[in-house]
Structures are given as structure tokens and as C-alpha cells.
C-alpha atoms as a PDB file:
ATOM      1  CA  UNK A   1      -7.970 -39.086  28.581  1.00  0.00           C
ATOM      2  CA  UNK A   2     -11.307 -40.601  29.422  1.00  0.00           C
ATOM      3  CA  UNK A   3     -13.482 -41.565  26.523  1.00  0.00           C
ATOM      4  CA  UNK A   4     -16.515 -39.599  27.746  1.00  0.00           C
ATOM      5  CA  UNK A   5     -14.499 -36.299  27.659  1.00  0.00           C
ATOM      6  CA  UNK A   6     -13.540 -36.850  24.018  1.00  0.00           C
ATOM      7  CA  UNK A   7     -16.747 -35.285  22.542  1.00  0.00           C
ATOM      8  CA  UNK A   8     -16.295 -32.153  24.686  1.00  0.00           C
ATOM      9  CA  UNK A   9     -12.645 -31.810  23.596  1.00  0.00           C
ATOM     10  CA  UNK A  10     -13.545 -32.321  19.937  1.00  0.00           C
ATOM     11  CA  UNK A  11     -16.343 -29.746  20.224  1.00  0.00           C
ATOM     12  CA  UNK A  12     -13.939 -27.212  21.776  1.00  0.00           C
ATOM     13  CA  UNK A  13     -11.377 -27.767  18.991  1.00  0.00           C
ATOM     14  CA  UNK A  14     -14.081 -27.440  16.327  1.00  0.00           C
ATOM     15  CA  UNK A  15     -15.409 -24.218  17.908  1.00  0.00           C
ATOM     16  CA  UNK A  16     -11.899 -22.726  18.022  1.00  0.00           C
ATOM     17  CA  UNK A  17     -11.272 -23.621  14.366  1.00  0.00           C
ATOM     18  CA  UNK A  18     -14.589 -22.127  13.222  1.00  0.00           C
ATOM     19  CA  UNK A  19     -13.958 -18.970  15.295  1.00  0.00           C
ATOM     20  CA  UNK A  20     -10.520 -18.520  13.775  1.00  0.00           C
ATOM     21  CA  UNK A  21     -11.810 -19.075  10.231  1.00  0.00           C
ATOM     22  CA  UNK A  22     -14.672 -16.601  10.640  1.00  0.00           C
ATOM     23  CA  UNK A  23     -12.720 -13.899  12.446  1.00  0.00           C
ATOM     24  CA  UNK A  24     -11.719 -12.330   9.121  1.00  0.00           C
ATOM     25  CA  UNK A  25     -15.382 -12.046   8.134  1.00  0.00           C
ATOM     26  CA  UNK A  26     -16.317  -9.634  10.883  1.00  0.00           C
ATOM     27  CA  UNK A  27     -13.359  -7.309  11.278  1.00  0.00           C
ATOM     28  CA  UNK A  28     -11.915  -4.853   8.804  1.00  0.00           C
ATOM     29  CA  UNK A  29      -8.161  -5.117   8.895  1.00  0.00           C
ATOM     30  CA  UNK A  30      -5.949  -2.480   7.345  1.00  0.00           C
ATOM     31  CA  UNK A  31      -3.398  -3.956   4.968  1.00  0.00           C
ATOM     32  CA  UNK A  32       0.126  -4.068   6.288  1.00  0.00           C
ATOM     33  CA  UNK A  33       2.186  -1.857   4.035  1.00  0.00           C
ATOM     34  CA  UNK A  34       5.915  -2.400   4.353  1.00  0.00           C
ATOM     35  CA  UNK A  35       7.147  -0.645   1.231  1.00  0.00           C
ATOM     36  CA  UNK A  36       6.297   2.265  -1.045  1.00  0.00           C
ATOM     37  CA  UNK A  37       2.692   1.740  -2.108  1.00  0.00           C
ATOM     38  CA  UNK A  38      -0.002   3.480  -4.140  1.00  0.00           C
ATOM     39  CA  UNK A  39      -3.353   2.455  -2.658  1.00  0.00           C
ATOM     40  CA  UNK A  40      -6.840   2.403  -4.178  1.00  0.00           C
ATOM     41  CA  UNK A  41      -9.018   1.501  -1.175  1.00  0.00           C
ATOM     42  CA  UNK A  42     -11.872  -0.947  -0.781  1.00  0.00           C
ATOM     43  CA  UNK A  43     -15.425   0.096  -1.597  1.00  0.00           C
ATOM     44  CA  UNK A  44     -17.758  -0.358   1.343  1.00  0.00           C
ATOM     45  CA  UNK A  45     -21.313   0.819   1.548  1.00  0.00           C
ATOM     46  CA  UNK A  46     -24.860  -0.201   0.804  1.00  0.00           C
ATOM     47  CA  UNK A  47     -26.341  -0.652  -2.643  1.00  0.00           C
ATOM     48  CA  UNK A  48     -27.978   2.638  -3.563  1.00  0.00           C
ATOM     49  CA  UNK A  49     -25.732   4.615  -1.231  1.00  0.00           C
ATOM     50  CA  UNK A  50     -22.999   7.131  -1.892  1.00  0.00           C
ATOM     51  CA  UNK A  51     -19.580   5.510  -1.483  1.00  0.00           C
ATOM     52  CA  UNK A  52     -15.945   6.519  -1.769  1.00  0.00           C
ATOM     53  CA  UNK A  53     -12.698   4.975  -2.938  1.00  0.00           C
ATOM     54  CA  UNK A  54      -9.688   6.790  -1.527  1.00  0.00           C
ATOM     55  CA  UNK A  55      -6.456   7.024  -3.481  1.00  0.00           C
ATOM     56  CA  UNK A  56      -3.401   7.428  -1.310  1.00  0.00           C
ATOM     57  CA  UNK A  57       0.210   6.562  -0.746  1.00  0.00           C
ATOM     58  CA  UNK A  58       2.271   4.956   1.990  1.00  0.00           C
ATOM     59  CA  UNK A  59       6.015   5.147   2.542  1.00  0.00           C
ATOM     60  CA  UNK A  60       6.890   6.904  -0.713  1.00  0.00           C
ATOM     61  CA  UNK A  61      10.418   8.335  -0.253  1.00  0.00           C
ATOM     62  CA  UNK A  62      10.431  12.025  -1.164  1.00  0.00           C
ATOM     63  CA  UNK A  63       6.651  12.054  -1.385  1.00  0.00           C
ATOM     64  CA  UNK A  64       4.189  12.343  -4.239  1.00  0.00           C
ATOM     65  CA  UNK A  65       3.100  15.779  -5.477  1.00  0.00           C
ATOM     66  CA  UNK A  66       1.199  14.661  -8.560  1.00  0.00           C
ATOM     67  CA  UNK A  67      -0.706  11.640  -9.836  1.00  0.00           C
ATOM     68  CA  UNK A  68      -2.101  11.011 -13.310  1.00  0.00           C
ATOM     69  CA  UNK A  69      -4.425   8.018 -13.696  1.00  0.00           C
ATOM     70  CA  UNK A  70      -4.966   7.026 -17.324  1.00  0.00           C
ATOM     71  CA  UNK A  71      -1.699   7.886 -19.044  1.00  0.00           C
ATOM     72  CA  UNK A  72      -0.581   6.147 -22.240  1.00  0.00           C
ATOM     73  CA  UNK A  73       0.556   2.603 -21.599  1.00  0.00           C
ATOM     74  CA  UNK A  74       0.281  -0.743 -23.360  1.00  0.00           C
ATOM     75  CA  UNK A  75      -3.122  -0.841 -25.008  1.00  0.00           C
ATOM     76  CA  UNK A  76      -3.478   2.944 -24.974  1.00  0.00           C
ATOM     77  CA  UNK A  77      -4.896   5.213 -22.301  1.00  0.00           C
ATOM     78  CA  UNK A  78      -6.607   3.191 -19.596  1.00  0.00           C
ATOM     79  CA  UNK A  79      -7.637   4.624 -16.281  1.00  0.00           C
ATOM     80  CA  UNK A  80      -9.169   3.200 -13.146  1.00  0.00           C
ATOM     81  CA  UNK A  81     -11.652   0.593 -14.387  1.00  0.00           C
ATOM     82  CA  UNK A  82     -14.759  -0.802 -12.680  1.00  0.00           C
ATOM     83  CA  UNK A  83     -17.948  -2.738 -13.399  1.00  0.00           C
ATOM     84  CA  UNK A  84     -20.535  -0.024 -14.189  1.00  0.00           C
ATOM     85  CA  UNK A  85     -23.404  -2.360 -13.224  1.00  0.00           C
ATOM     86  CA  UNK A  86     -22.083  -2.306  -9.645  1.00  0.00           C
ATOM     87  CA  UNK A  87     -20.441   1.122  -9.273  1.00  0.00           C
ATOM     88  CA  UNK A  88     -20.927   4.524 -10.932  1.00  0.00           C
ATOM     89  CA  UNK A  89     -18.496   7.416 -10.449  1.00  0.00           C
ATOM     90  CA  UNK A  90     -20.046  10.822  -9.768  1.00  0.00           C
ATOM     91  CA  UNK A  91     -16.873  12.841  -9.172  1.00  0.00           C
ATOM     92  CA  UNK A  92     -13.260  13.138  -8.061  1.00  0.00           C
ATOM     93  CA  UNK A  93     -12.206  15.233  -5.070  1.00  0.00           C
ATOM     94  CA  UNK A  94      -8.733  16.263  -3.990  1.00  0.00           C
ATOM     95  CA  UNK A  95      -7.555  15.448  -0.443  1.00  0.00           C
ATOM     96  CA  UNK A  96      -4.829  16.820   1.843  1.00  0.00           C
ATOM     97  CA  UNK A  97      -3.980  19.832  -0.330  1.00  0.00           C
ATOM     98  CA  UNK A  98      -4.261  18.016  -3.677  1.00  0.00           C
ATOM     99  CA  UNK A  99      -6.295  19.715  -6.382  1.00  0.00           C
ATOM    100  CA  UNK A 100      -8.116  17.998  -9.224  1.00  0.00           C
ATOM    101  CA  UNK A 101      -6.752  19.340 -12.510  1.00  0.00           C
ATOM    102  CA  UNK A 102      -8.594  17.110 -14.997  1.00  0.00           C
ATOM    103  CA  UNK A 103     -11.193  14.344 -14.986  1.00  0.00           C
ATOM    104  CA  UNK A 104     -12.821  12.035 -17.499  1.00  0.00           C
ATOM    105  CA  UNK A 105     -15.649   9.838 -16.214  1.00  0.00           C
ATOM    106  CA  UNK A 106     -17.146   7.152 -18.457  1.00  0.00           C
ATOM    107  CA  UNK A 107     -19.858   5.221 -16.621  1.00  0.00           C
ATOM    108  CA  UNK A 108     -20.873   3.396 -19.815  1.00  0.00           C
ATOM    109  CA  UNK A 109     -17.589   1.498 -20.139  1.00  0.00           C
ATOM    110  CA  UNK A 110     -16.651   1.819 -16.441  1.00  0.00           C
ATOM    111  CA  UNK A 111     -13.515   3.936 -16.480  1.00  0.00           C
ATOM    112  CA  UNK A 112     -12.312   7.137 -14.844  1.00  0.00           C
ATOM    113  CA  UNK A 113      -9.154   9.119 -15.632  1.00  0.00           C
ATOM    114  CA  UNK A 114      -7.917  12.031 -13.569  1.00  0.00           C
ATOM    115  CA  UNK A 115      -4.969  14.198 -12.586  1.00  0.00           C
ATOM    116  CA  UNK A 116      -4.380  15.549  -9.068  1.00  0.00           C
ATOM    117  CA  UNK A 117      -1.508  17.770  -7.941  1.00  0.00           C
ATOM    118  CA  UNK A 118      -0.392  19.366  -4.714  1.00  0.00           C
ATOM    119  CA  UNK A 119       1.111  22.782  -5.528  1.00  0.00           C
ATOM    120  CA  UNK A 120       2.768  23.153  -2.112  1.00  0.00           C
ATOM    121  CA  UNK A 121       4.675  19.860  -1.857  1.00  0.00           C
ATOM    122  CA  UNK A 122       4.490  16.100  -1.765  1.00  0.00           C
ATOM    123  CA  UNK A 123       3.130  13.571   0.706  1.00  0.00           C
ATOM    124  CA  UNK A 124       4.808  10.305   1.607  1.00  0.00           C
ATOM    125  CA  UNK A 125       1.803   9.060   3.645  1.00  0.00           C
ATOM    126  CA  UNK A 126      -1.879   9.849   3.178  1.00  0.00           C
ATOM    127  CA  UNK A 127      -4.721  10.355   0.752  1.00  0.00           C
ATOM    128  CA  UNK A 128      -4.426  12.357  -2.444  1.00  0.00           C
ATOM    129  CA  UNK A 129      -7.867  11.906  -3.994  1.00  0.00           C
ATOM    130  CA  UNK A 130     -11.317  10.512  -3.365  1.00  0.00           C
ATOM    131  CA  UNK A 131     -13.322   8.802  -6.103  1.00  0.00           C
ATOM    132  CA  UNK A 132     -16.943   9.497  -5.173  1.00  0.00           C
ATOM    133  CA  UNK A 133     -19.739   7.366  -6.561  1.00  0.00           C
ATOM    134  CA  UNK A 134     -22.851   5.317  -6.052  1.00  0.00           C
ATOM    135  CA  UNK A 135     -22.942   1.597  -5.431  1.00  0.00           C
ATOM    136  CA  UNK A 136     -25.582   0.563  -7.957  1.00  0.00           C
ATOM    137  CA  UNK A 137     -25.362  -3.205  -7.582  1.00  0.00           C
ATOM    138  CA  UNK A 138     -24.204  -5.845  -5.113  1.00  0.00           C
ATOM    139  CA  UNK A 139     -20.943  -7.729  -5.460  1.00  0.00           C
ATOM    140  CA  UNK A 140     -17.378  -6.900  -6.351  1.00  0.00           C
ATOM    141  CA  UNK A 141     -17.029  -3.821  -8.593  1.00  0.00           C
ATOM    142  CA  UNK A 142     -14.007  -5.375 -10.355  1.00  0.00           C
ATOM    143  CA  UNK A 143     -11.568  -2.512  -9.774  1.00  0.00           C
ATOM    144  CA  UNK A 144      -8.523  -2.618 -12.053  1.00  0.00           C
ATOM    145  CA  UNK A 145      -5.675  -0.266 -12.874  1.00  0.00           C
ATOM    146  CA  UNK A 146      -2.197  -0.851 -14.238  1.00  0.00           C
ATOM    147  CA  UNK A 147       1.034   0.812 -13.138  1.00  0.00           C
ATOM    148  CA  UNK A 148       1.761   1.235 -16.862  1.00  0.00           C
ATOM    149  CA  UNK A 149      -1.150   3.705 -16.991  1.00  0.00           C
ATOM    150  CA  UNK A 150      -0.144   5.713 -13.918  1.00  0.00           C
ATOM    151  CA  UNK A 151       2.314   8.546 -13.526  1.00  0.00           C
ATOM    152  CA  UNK A 152       3.514   9.752 -10.134  1.00  0.00           C
ATOM    153  CA  UNK A 153       5.775  12.767  -9.719  1.00  0.00           C
ATOM    154  CA  UNK A 154       7.560  14.122  -6.659  1.00  0.00           C
ATOM    155  CA  UNK A 155       7.670  17.748  -5.448  1.00  0.00           C
ATOM    156  CA  UNK A 156      10.563  18.496  -7.853  1.00  0.00           C
ATOM    157  CA  UNK A 157       8.299  17.332 -10.729  1.00  0.00           C
ATOM    158  CA  UNK A 158      10.563  14.329 -11.310  1.00  0.00           C
ATOM    159  CA  UNK A 159       8.797  11.107 -12.334  1.00  0.00           C
ATOM    160  CA  UNK A 160       8.643   8.315  -9.773  1.00  0.00           C
ATOM    161  CA  UNK A 161       9.458   5.162 -11.757  1.00  0.00           C
ATOM    162  CA  UNK A 162       6.960   2.322 -12.050  1.00  0.00           C
ATOM    163  CA  UNK A 163       9.208  -0.119 -10.169  1.00  0.00           C
ATOM    164  CA  UNK A 164       9.730   2.232  -7.195  1.00  0.00           C
ATOM    165  CA  UNK A 165       6.345   1.385  -5.638  1.00  0.00           C
ATOM    166  CA  UNK A 166       3.774  -1.376  -5.505  1.00  0.00           C
ATOM    167  CA  UNK A 167       0.105  -1.006  -6.354  1.00  0.00           C
ATOM    168  CA  UNK A 168      -2.691  -2.079  -4.002  1.00  0.00           C
ATOM    169  CA  UNK A 169      -6.196  -2.128  -5.507  1.00  0.00           C
ATOM    170  CA  UNK A 170      -9.217  -2.882  -3.337  1.00  0.00           C
ATOM    171  CA  UNK A 171     -12.603  -4.277  -4.145  1.00  0.00           C
ATOM    172  CA  UNK A 172     -15.826  -4.809  -2.247  1.00  0.00           C
ATOM    173  CA  UNK A 173     -15.272  -7.035   0.770  1.00  0.00           C
ATOM    174  CA  UNK A 174     -17.864  -9.787   1.054  1.00  0.00           C
ATOM    175  CA  UNK A 175     -18.342  -9.156   4.756  1.00  0.00           C
ATOM    176  CA  UNK A 176     -20.187  -5.836   4.274  1.00  0.00           C
ATOM    177  CA  UNK A 177     -23.926  -6.276   4.502  1.00  0.00           C
ATOM    178  CA  UNK A 178     -26.275  -3.378   3.975  1.00  0.00           C
ATOM    179  CA  UNK A 179     -30.003  -3.221   3.277  1.00  0.00           C
ATOM    180  CA  UNK A 180     -30.211  -6.987   2.962  1.00  0.00           C
ATOM    181  CA  UNK A 181     -27.574  -7.231   0.219  1.00  0.00           C
ATOM    182  CA  UNK A 182     -23.910  -8.079  -0.006  1.00  0.00           C
END
């Protein structure tokens, strides 16, 4: 290789490396789910805007017909937790035939508990509920929930054990920019 082509080659390699590193910053990629999973989605939307967190399942054998968030586990009843300086819950909605049976929203401590059921059967893929709220501050809302405080049941009302699925909890991706804030 001639010495005068070396800067052009190095520049091309550097550009390719930077492009590869930044590609994840501009594209939303759905997580690859290869096993039974309960999913609390990412929160995307501008500060001050209405936003949603979907709660769904993927590849649950036999399906899920009921979900309770905030059952008794280690440390007592703990539901879906969040930073109330960044996210405030305004309501819970059922999805795909699921009905909301009970809710408890505490925007002071940043916790929501709820129960949704589908009276006609279970779903093995899809959304069951939507947590509706307002993004009140920039940054990660610090979503947290424990499988010890969740109860899933199938269409026969039989509990789905904690170890039969994995839990995927989203956050607020840093690549969303709205109204001048992250």
C-alpha cells in the first residue's frame, strides 16, 4: 500500500466504526424474545406529553388469562415502580379483551398495582394492559418490578410459576429527543 493512501484508508475505517457504534442510537430495535416473556415496554415520548407503557407477553405456552401486579412477595406488596419526578401514572387500560379489575396508583411514592383478566381466554402473544401516564421529567423513569410480586394465571385459572417465564422491563431510551429534552 502506498503511504499517501494510508490517511484515506484510516479515515474510511474510522467512519465505518463510528457509523456502527452510532447505529443503535437512531433506530428502535424490538428485543428478540426467544422464550416465554412478560414484557413491560419502553417509555418513549416528550416531557409534558401523554405516554404509554404496554404490558404484554410473548411465547407463553397455554397463554395468560390474568395478571396481578403487586401481589405479596418479599418485602410485602410491591407493584410496578417508577421515579415520580419523571413519570406519573394517570390510568390503566385493558388491551386485547383484557379488563381492568382493580387499580391502585400512588404517584407520591411512584408505584402502581393492578389486576387485568380476560374472561374469554388467554393470550400467548400480545398486549394485556396499557399503563397510561405523563412524562413529567427527562431521563430514565427507573422502572422496576419483581417476579415475586407478579401473578400470572392461564385460562384454566392455574398459576403460571415464576420460573416459567422471564421478565423484560423497559426504561426511557436515551435516543428519544422531544421538545429539546432527552
